[in-house]
Amino acid sequence: MEINTAVEHFKKVLESQERRAAEMRAQGDFVDYARLPKIVIGICGGDGIGPVITQEAERVLRFLLADEVAAGKVEFKEIGGLTIENRAACGKAIPDDVMAELKACHVILKGPTTTPRAGDGWPNIESANVAMRKALDLFANVRPVKIPEEGIDWTFFRENTEGGYALGSQGLELDDGVAFDFTVTTTEGTQRIAELAYDYAKKNGKNRVSIITKANVIKTTDGKFLKLCQEVGKRYPDIVTDDWYIDILTAKLIDKQRRGDFQVLVLPNLYGDIVTDEAAEMQGGVGTAGSANIGKKYAMFEAIHGSAPRMVAEGRAKYADPCSMLRATVLLLSHIGRQKQADALEKALDTCMFTEKRLTITGRDTGCTCEEFGDYVMATVKAAE
C-alpha cells in the first residue's frame, strides 16, 4: 500500500513537471524594454532590514533616473503586503493581491523576506522568493562578485526554477523511515540558462564559461545539465568552455593561483546558492552582493542575504549595509537598457567600497548609516559626471 501511495505521489510530480516543460516551450521572446513607452518598477520592502535598504536603493535609483521619471518614461510602484505578518495571515507565500501588483510591473526591486522555519512561531508557508521565481518564471539568478585587487571578476548564472529547490516541498516519507526528495532537470530549462550565460559572456568580452555540476555521481540530472550546456557552448567558438565538479570548485575559488581563471559560471540551483554565498563572503560578506532574477517577461532584483531580524530587534536597522541592494540596482539598470546609469553606479560603488572607502559600514553606530552611505554613493556619481 505504501509503495502504491508513493508511486501515485511521484506520478503527480512527474505530471506537474511535464506541464511546466510544455509551458516553457510555448513561451515567446524576452521583453524588449526599448520598445516600451514606459517602464514600471515595483518596489517591495520585505521584512526586517529590507525596507531600510530597499528605500535607500530606490532613492539612488530615482536620483539616476530623475530625467526619465520626469518625462514619464519610468514609473515607480510601491508594493506592500509582502511582509511575513501579511503572508502568514493569508496563509500564502505571496498573497493573491500582491501577486497581481507584481505582475503589473516590468521589473521589481525587492528587499529580503523572512522564510518561516520550525520553531519560529510562523506557519509553514513557502519561501516568497521561491514562490515568486516560480510564478513569474524567473529562471536565471545572476550574481556578480568582484574583488579588483585580487583579480576576481566572477558572474554566476544559477538556474533558478529547477533542481532540488523546485521540488523541495514535494518529498515523501514512508512509515518505515525511508524518505525521498526529488530533483528535476529539463532540456528547456537547462538550454535557456546556458544560452543566457554564453550570451552574457559574448556581450561582455568574457572568454571563458565554466559549467559546474556533480555529474560523476548525480549522473542523470547533473549529467544532462552538463551535456546540454556543452552543446550550447559549441555555438560560441570564441569562448572556452570548461567544467568542474562542485566540490573541487569550492576549493579552487579560494585558491589564489587558480581563482582568477574563472569568469562566467553556470550552475544548477542548489550548487549556485551555496557557491555564490561563499563568493560573496570573499567579497566582503553577503551584504555586499546583489542578484538578478531574470525571466522572459519579468525580472526581480534583490540582495542575496536575509532579513536580519536581530538588527531590527537591537535597534540597528538604520546601520544596515545597502550595498547588496545597490549592486542589485546596477543589474536592474543594465537589464532595462540604462547602461550609462548602470556603469556610473557600478563605478561609484567600486570607489566607495574598494578604492576610496571614505565611509565604513559596520552594522553598528561605529560606522555610517545606510542613508549616509547612499549620500556618499550619489555624491560620488555626481563628482564623476
Protein backbone atom coordinates (compact mmCIF):
# COMPACT_ATOMS: atom_id res chain seq x y z
CA MET A 1 0.00 0.00 0.00
CA GLU A 2 2.81 2.43 0.90
CA ILE A 3 4.58 1.76 -2.37
CA ASN A 4 1.37 2.39 -4.30
CA THR A 5 0.92 5.69 -2.44
CA ALA A 6 4.49 6.68 -3.25
CA VAL A 7 4.03 5.79 -6.93
CA GLU A 8 0.86 7.90 -7.12
CA HIS A 9 2.67 10.79 -5.43
CA PHE A 10 5.58 10.58 -7.85
CA LYS A 11 3.15 10.40 -10.79
CA LYS A 12 1.70 13.79 -9.77
CA VAL A 13 5.20 15.26 -9.51
CA LEU A 14 6.05 13.98 -12.98
CA GLU A 15 2.83 15.33 -14.49
CA SER A 16 3.41 18.79 -12.97
CA GLN A 17 6.93 18.94 -14.41
CA GLU A 18 5.77 17.80 -17.84
CA ARG A 19 3.22 20.64 -17.83
CA ARG A 20 5.93 23.10 -16.82
CA ALA A 21 8.21 21.93 -19.63
CA ALA A 22 5.37 22.39 -22.13
CA GLU A 23 4.76 25.92 -20.84
CA MET A 24 8.45 26.76 -21.31
CA ARG A 25 8.34 25.52 -24.89
CA ALA A 26 5.36 27.79 -25.57
CA GLN A 27 7.00 30.98 -24.29
CA GLY A 28 7.90 33.83 -26.61
CA ASP A 29 10.96 36.05 -26.67
CA PHE A 30 12.35 38.34 -23.97
CA VAL A 31 10.69 41.70 -23.36
CA ASP A 32 12.27 44.45 -25.47
CA TYR A 33 12.45 47.31 -22.98
CA ALA A 34 13.48 49.76 -25.71
CA ARG A 35 10.03 49.38 -27.27
CA LEU A 36 8.07 50.09 -24.10
CA PRO A 37 6.60 53.60 -23.82
CA LYS A 38 7.01 53.39 -20.03
CA ILE A 39 8.83 51.01 -17.69
CA VAL A 40 7.12 50.26 -14.37
CA ILE A 41 9.49 49.47 -11.49
CA GLY A 42 7.89 47.78 -8.49
CA ILE A 43 9.38 48.40 -5.03
CA CYS A 44 8.87 45.75 -2.31
CA GLY A 45 10.48 46.42 1.06
CA GLY A 46 10.07 42.94 2.55
CA ASP A 47 10.92 42.15 6.18
CA GLY A 48 13.47 43.10 8.83
CA ILE A 49 16.09 45.44 7.39
CA GLY A 50 14.51 45.02 3.95
CA PRO A 51 12.51 48.28 3.97
CA VAL A 52 15.59 50.26 5.09
CA ILE A 53 17.99 49.05 2.41
CA THR A 54 15.31 48.93 -0.29
CA GLN A 55 14.30 52.52 0.40
CA GLU A 56 17.93 53.57 0.04
CA ALA A 57 18.31 51.72 -3.24
CA GLU A 58 15.09 53.30 -4.51
CA ARG A 59 16.40 56.74 -3.52
CA VAL A 60 19.59 56.18 -5.55
CA LEU A 61 17.59 54.73 -8.44
CA ARG A 62 15.28 57.75 -8.53
CA PHE A 63 18.36 60.00 -8.50
CA LEU A 64 19.83 58.19 -11.52
CA LEU A 65 16.54 58.08 -13.45
CA ALA A 66 15.22 61.51 -12.46
CA ASP A 67 15.02 62.80 -16.04
CA GLU A 68 13.16 59.71 -17.25
CA VAL A 69 10.73 59.82 -14.35
CA ALA A 70 10.02 63.48 -15.14
CA ALA A 71 9.45 62.61 -18.79
CA GLY A 72 7.02 59.80 -17.90
CA LYS A 73 9.29 57.07 -19.28
CA VAL A 74 9.80 55.41 -15.89
CA GLU A 75 7.24 54.94 -13.12
CA PHE A 76 7.78 53.63 -9.60
CA LYS A 77 5.09 51.49 -7.96
CA GLU A 78 5.22 50.90 -4.21
CA ILE A 79 4.02 47.38 -3.33
CA GLY A 80 3.21 46.50 0.27
CA GLY A 81 1.86 43.26 1.61
CA LEU A 82 4.96 41.09 1.22
CA THR A 83 5.70 41.15 4.95
CA ILE A 84 5.80 37.92 6.93
CA GLU A 85 2.84 39.13 9.00
CA ASN A 86 0.61 39.57 5.95
CA ARG A 87 1.82 36.40 4.26
CA ALA A 88 1.17 34.39 7.42
CA ALA A 89 -2.30 35.91 7.85
CA CYS A 90 -3.17 34.96 4.26
CA GLY A 91 -1.55 31.54 4.54
CA LYS A 92 0.30 32.09 1.27
CA ALA A 93 3.90 32.72 0.27
CA ILE A 94 2.62 35.62 -1.83
CA PRO A 95 -0.97 36.82 -1.30
CA ASP A 96 -3.11 37.00 -4.45
CA ASP A 97 -3.47 40.79 -4.42
CA VAL A 98 0.28 41.24 -4.02
CA MET A 99 0.95 38.84 -6.90
CA ALA A 100 -1.40 40.88 -9.10
CA GLU A 101 0.55 44.04 -8.24
CA LEU A 102 3.85 42.33 -9.01
CA LYS A 103 2.57 41.22 -12.41
CA ALA A 104 1.57 44.82 -13.20
CA CYS A 105 5.29 45.76 -13.12
CA HIS A 106 8.03 45.09 -15.64
CA VAL A 107 10.84 44.81 -13.09
CA ILE A 108 10.84 44.56 -9.30
CA LEU A 109 13.34 45.76 -6.69
CA LYS A 110 12.72 43.57 -3.65
CA GLY A 111 14.12 43.59 -0.14
CA PRO A 112 14.83 40.34 1.74
CA THR A 113 11.83 38.42 3.09
CA THR A 114 11.60 36.09 6.07
CA THR A 115 11.06 32.39 5.36
CA PRO A 116 9.42 30.54 8.28
CA ARG A 117 11.31 27.65 9.84
CA ALA A 118 10.48 25.13 12.52
CA GLY A 119 10.11 26.66 15.98
CA ASP A 120 9.88 30.32 14.99
CA GLY A 121 6.15 30.61 15.52
CA TRP A 122 5.14 31.30 11.93
CA PRO A 123 3.05 28.89 9.84
CA ASN A 124 5.00 26.72 7.41
CA ILE A 125 4.46 28.73 4.24
CA GLU A 126 6.75 28.53 1.22
CA SER A 127 9.59 30.99 0.70
CA ALA A 128 8.34 34.16 -1.00
CA ASN A 129 11.47 34.12 -3.17
CA VAL A 130 10.87 30.59 -4.39
CA ALA A 131 7.18 31.32 -4.98
CA MET A 132 7.98 34.48 -6.96
CA ARG A 133 10.57 32.72 -9.10
CA LYS A 134 8.05 30.02 -9.93
CA ALA A 135 5.06 32.31 -10.56
CA LEU A 136 7.00 34.78 -12.72
CA ASP A 137 9.27 32.08 -14.22
CA LEU A 138 12.43 33.90 -13.17
CA PHE A 139 14.70 31.14 -14.37
CA ALA A 140 18.09 32.86 -14.16
CA ASN A 141 19.66 34.03 -10.92
CA VAL A 142 22.61 36.23 -11.88
CA ARG A 143 25.12 37.11 -9.16
CA PRO A 144 28.31 39.09 -9.88
CA VAL A 145 31.22 39.13 -7.43
CA LYS A 146 34.16 41.46 -7.84
CA ILE A 147 37.41 41.89 -5.86
CA PRO A 148 39.58 44.07 -8.14
CA GLU A 149 42.76 43.94 -6.06
CA GLU A 150 42.74 40.12 -6.25
CA GLY A 151 41.85 39.87 -9.92
CA ILE A 152 38.42 38.41 -9.17
CA ASP A 153 35.56 39.28 -11.52
CA TRP A 154 33.03 36.44 -11.47
CA THR A 155 29.46 36.28 -12.75
CA PHE A 156 27.39 33.30 -11.65
CA PHE A 157 24.38 32.11 -13.64
CA ARG A 158 22.39 29.93 -11.26
CA GLU A 159 19.42 28.05 -12.70
CA ASN A 160 16.53 29.25 -10.59
CA THR A 161 13.45 27.11 -11.20
CA GLU A 162 14.66 23.50 -11.32
CA GLY A 163 16.94 21.21 -9.33
CA GLY A 164 16.19 20.23 -5.76
CA TYR A 165 14.69 23.59 -4.82
CA ALA A 166 11.88 23.31 -7.36
CA LEU A 167 10.54 20.15 -5.71
CA GLY A 168 11.91 20.62 -2.22
CA SER A 169 8.44 20.79 -0.66
CA GLN A 170 7.14 17.74 -2.55
CA GLY A 171 9.20 14.97 -0.98
CA LEU A 172 7.76 11.87 0.63
CA GLU A 173 8.48 9.94 3.83
CA LEU A 174 7.19 6.41 4.30
CA ASP A 175 6.24 4.86 7.62
CA ASP A 176 9.24 2.56 7.56
CA GLY A 177 11.55 5.58 7.90
CA VAL A 178 12.53 5.86 4.23
CA ALA A 179 12.33 9.43 2.90
CA PHE A 180 12.69 10.73 -0.64
CA ASP A 181 13.18 14.16 -2.17
CA PHE A 182 13.15 14.93 -5.87
CA THR A 183 15.30 16.93 -8.26
CA VAL A 184 14.49 17.82 -11.85
CA THR A 185 16.41 18.91 -14.95
CA THR A 186 14.62 19.69 -18.21
CA THR A 187 16.01 20.31 -21.68
CA GLU A 188 14.24 23.65 -21.98
CA GLY A 189 15.25 24.82 -18.50
CA THR A 190 18.93 23.99 -18.99
CA GLN A 191 19.23 25.34 -22.51
CA ARG A 192 17.83 28.76 -21.62
CA ILE A 193 20.14 29.32 -18.61
CA ALA A 194 23.13 28.18 -20.69
CA GLU A 195 22.18 30.45 -23.58
CA LEU A 196 21.83 33.43 -21.23
CA ALA A 197 25.25 32.73 -19.69
CA TYR A 198 27.05 32.40 -23.01
CA ASP A 199 25.27 35.42 -24.46
CA TYR A 200 26.33 37.47 -21.44
CA ALA A 201 29.93 36.28 -21.86
CA LYS A 202 29.95 37.26 -25.54
CA LYS A 203 28.44 40.70 -24.95
CA ASN A 204 30.73 41.49 -22.02
CA GLY A 205 34.04 40.40 -23.51
CA LYS A 206 34.42 37.25 -21.40
CA ASN A 207 36.27 34.34 -22.99
CA ARG A 208 35.54 31.50 -20.54
CA VAL A 209 32.37 29.82 -19.30
CA SER A 210 32.67 27.16 -16.60
CA ILE A 211 29.93 24.55 -16.14
CA ILE A 212 29.55 23.36 -12.55
CA THR A 213 27.91 20.01 -11.67
CA LYS A 214 28.43 16.74 -9.79
CA ALA A 215 27.85 14.75 -12.96
CA ASN A 216 30.23 11.99 -11.94
CA VAL A 217 27.82 10.99 -9.16
CA ILE A 218 24.44 12.60 -9.99
CA LYS A 219 24.62 11.11 -13.43
CA THR A 220 21.12 11.60 -14.84
CA THR A 221 20.12 15.18 -13.92
CA ASP A 222 23.59 16.72 -13.48
CA GLY A 223 24.82 14.72 -16.46
CA LYS A 224 22.04 16.16 -18.59
CA PHE A 225 22.81 19.69 -17.37
CA LEU A 226 26.49 19.30 -18.28
CA LYS A 227 25.83 17.82 -21.70
CA LEU A 228 23.26 20.45 -22.72
CA CYS A 229 25.46 23.34 -21.54
CA GLN A 230 28.36 21.92 -23.53
CA GLU A 231 26.16 21.73 -26.62
CA VAL A 232 25.21 25.39 -26.24
CA GLY A 233 28.88 26.24 -25.79
CA LYS A 234 29.68 24.80 -29.22
CA ARG A 235 27.75 27.71 -30.75
CA TYR A 236 30.30 30.12 -29.24
CA PRO A 237 33.66 29.06 -30.70
CA ASP A 238 35.45 32.15 -29.36
CA ILE A 239 34.57 31.22 -25.77
CA VAL A 240 36.44 28.49 -23.91
CA THR A 241 34.16 26.01 -22.14
CA ASP A 242 35.40 24.01 -19.19
CA ASP A 243 33.59 22.05 -16.48
CA TRP A 244 34.19 21.49 -12.79
CA TYR A 245 32.67 19.35 -10.09
CA ILE A 246 31.06 21.43 -7.37
CA ASP A 247 33.28 20.10 -4.56
CA ILE A 248 36.58 20.97 -6.24
CA LEU A 249 35.20 24.31 -7.44
CA THR A 250 34.57 25.42 -3.86
CA ALA A 251 38.24 24.71 -3.18
CA LYS A 252 39.50 26.44 -6.32
CA LEU A 253 37.56 29.64 -5.58
CA ILE A 254 39.82 30.16 -2.58
CA ASP A 255 42.95 29.01 -4.43
CA LYS A 256 44.85 32.23 -5.15
CA GLN A 257 46.70 30.55 -8.02
CA ARG A 258 43.57 29.45 -9.88
CA ARG A 259 40.57 31.59 -8.90
CA GLY A 260 41.45 34.38 -11.30
CA ASP A 261 40.83 31.96 -14.18
CA PHE A 262 37.08 31.88 -13.57
CA GLN A 263 34.85 34.39 -15.35
CA VAL A 264 31.31 33.21 -16.07
CA LEU A 265 29.97 30.17 -14.22
CA VAL A 266 26.69 28.34 -14.92
CA LEU A 267 25.27 26.06 -12.22
CA PRO A 268 22.16 24.13 -11.17
CA ASN A 269 20.05 25.68 -8.42
CA LEU A 270 21.40 24.18 -5.19
CA TYR A 271 25.09 24.44 -6.11
CA GLY A 272 24.58 28.01 -7.26
CA ASP A 273 23.01 29.03 -3.97
CA ILE A 274 25.89 27.62 -1.91
CA VAL A 275 28.77 28.81 -4.08
CA THR A 276 27.50 32.36 -4.53
CA ASP A 277 27.27 32.81 -0.77
CA GLU A 278 30.88 31.63 -0.49
CA ALA A 279 31.93 34.04 -3.22
CA ALA A 280 30.03 36.95 -1.68
CA GLU A 281 31.71 36.32 1.66
CA MET A 282 35.08 36.61 -0.06
CA GLN A 283 33.99 39.97 -1.49
CA GLY A 284 33.21 41.31 1.95
CA GLY A 285 30.09 39.47 3.09
CA VAL A 286 26.66 38.66 1.74
CA GLY A 287 25.70 42.27 2.48
CA THR A 288 27.90 43.39 -0.41
CA ALA A 289 26.34 41.27 -3.17
CA GLY A 290 23.20 41.76 -5.20
CA SER A 291 21.44 39.47 -7.62
CA ALA A 292 19.12 39.48 -10.61
CA ASN A 293 16.30 37.01 -11.14
CA ILE A 294 15.53 37.12 -14.85
CA GLY A 295 12.72 35.67 -16.92
CA LYS A 296 11.45 36.39 -20.40
CA LYS A 297 8.57 38.62 -19.23
CA TYR A 298 9.51 39.70 -15.71
CA ALA A 299 12.67 40.36 -13.71
CA MET A 300 13.29 40.82 -9.99
CA PHE A 301 16.40 42.28 -8.34
CA GLU A 302 17.38 41.72 -4.71
CA ALA A 303 20.07 41.33 -2.08
CA ILE A 304 21.34 37.78 -1.59
CA HIS A 305 21.15 37.92 2.21
CA GLY A 306 18.28 37.51 4.65
CA SER A 307 16.12 39.97 6.56
CA ALA A 308 18.39 40.22 9.65
CA PRO A 309 15.63 40.47 12.28
CA ARG A 310 18.23 40.65 15.04
CA MET A 311 19.45 44.00 13.73
CA VAL A 312 15.91 45.34 13.93
CA ALA A 313 15.37 43.92 17.43
CA GLU A 314 18.59 45.56 18.60
CA GLY A 315 17.69 48.93 17.08
CA ARG A 316 20.46 48.79 14.47
CA ALA A 317 18.40 48.74 11.26
CA LYS A 318 19.48 52.22 10.22
CA TYR A 319 23.09 50.99 10.12
CA ALA A 320 22.28 48.18 7.68
CA ASP A 321 24.55 47.87 4.62
CA PRO A 322 22.72 48.95 1.43
CA CYS A 323 25.49 47.74 -0.90
CA SER A 324 23.70 44.48 -1.71
CA MET A 325 20.63 46.35 -2.89
CA LEU A 326 22.72 48.95 -4.70
CA ARG A 327 24.58 46.19 -6.56
CA ALA A 328 21.18 44.74 -7.45
CA THR A 329 20.21 48.19 -8.72
CA VAL A 330 23.18 48.12 -11.10
CA LEU A 331 21.83 44.88 -12.54
CA LEU A 332 18.33 46.35 -12.82
CA LEU A 333 19.54 49.39 -14.72
CA SER A 334 21.55 47.24 -17.11
CA HIS A 335 18.62 44.88 -17.67
CA ILE A 336 16.25 47.67 -18.72
CA GLY A 337 18.82 49.14 -21.10
CA ARG A 338 20.02 52.04 -18.95
CA GLN A 339 23.65 51.00 -19.28
CA LYS A 340 25.07 54.51 -18.82
CA GLN A 341 23.44 54.83 -15.42
CA ALA A 342 24.37 51.23 -14.52
CA ASP A 343 28.03 51.88 -15.32
CA ALA A 344 28.01 55.13 -13.34
CA LEU A 345 26.56 53.43 -10.28
CA GLU A 346 28.88 50.43 -10.51
CA LYS A 347 31.92 52.70 -10.80
CA ALA A 348 30.76 54.74 -7.80
CA LEU A 349 30.22 51.58 -5.74
CA ASP A 350 33.68 50.31 -6.64
CA THR A 351 35.10 53.63 -5.47
CA CYS A 352 33.09 53.76 -2.25
CA MET A 353 33.50 50.07 -1.35
CA PHE A 354 37.02 49.24 -2.56
CA THR A 355 39.16 52.23 -3.56
CA GLU A 356 38.37 55.34 -1.56
CA LYS A 357 36.36 53.84 1.33
CA ARG A 358 35.77 57.23 2.94
CA LEU A 359 32.83 55.82 4.92
CA THR A 360 32.70 52.42 6.58
CA ILE A 361 29.63 50.32 7.30
CA THR A 362 29.84 48.12 10.39
CA GLY A 363 26.17 47.42 11.07
CA ARG A 364 26.51 49.42 14.29
CA ASP A 365 26.99 53.01 15.43
CA THR A 366 30.73 52.52 14.94
CA GLY A 367 30.08 53.03 11.22
CA CYS A 368 27.93 55.16 8.98
CA THR A 369 24.19 54.79 8.49
CA CYS A 370 22.54 53.30 5.46
CA GLU A 371 21.36 56.75 4.38
CA GLU A 372 24.80 58.31 4.83
CA PHE A 373 26.32 55.66 2.58
CA GLY A 374 23.62 56.31 -0.03
CA ASP A 375 24.50 60.01 0.05
CA TYR A 376 28.17 59.08 -0.37
CA VAL A 377 27.40 56.97 -3.44
CA MET A 378 25.26 59.66 -5.08
CA ALA A 379 27.89 62.32 -4.39
CA THR A 380 30.49 60.05 -6.00
CA VAL A 381 28.31 59.60 -9.10
CA LYS A 382 27.81 63.35 -9.36
CA ALA A 383 31.52 64.09 -8.92
CA ALA A 384 32.34 61.77 -11.83
CA GLU A 385 29.93 63.46 -14.28
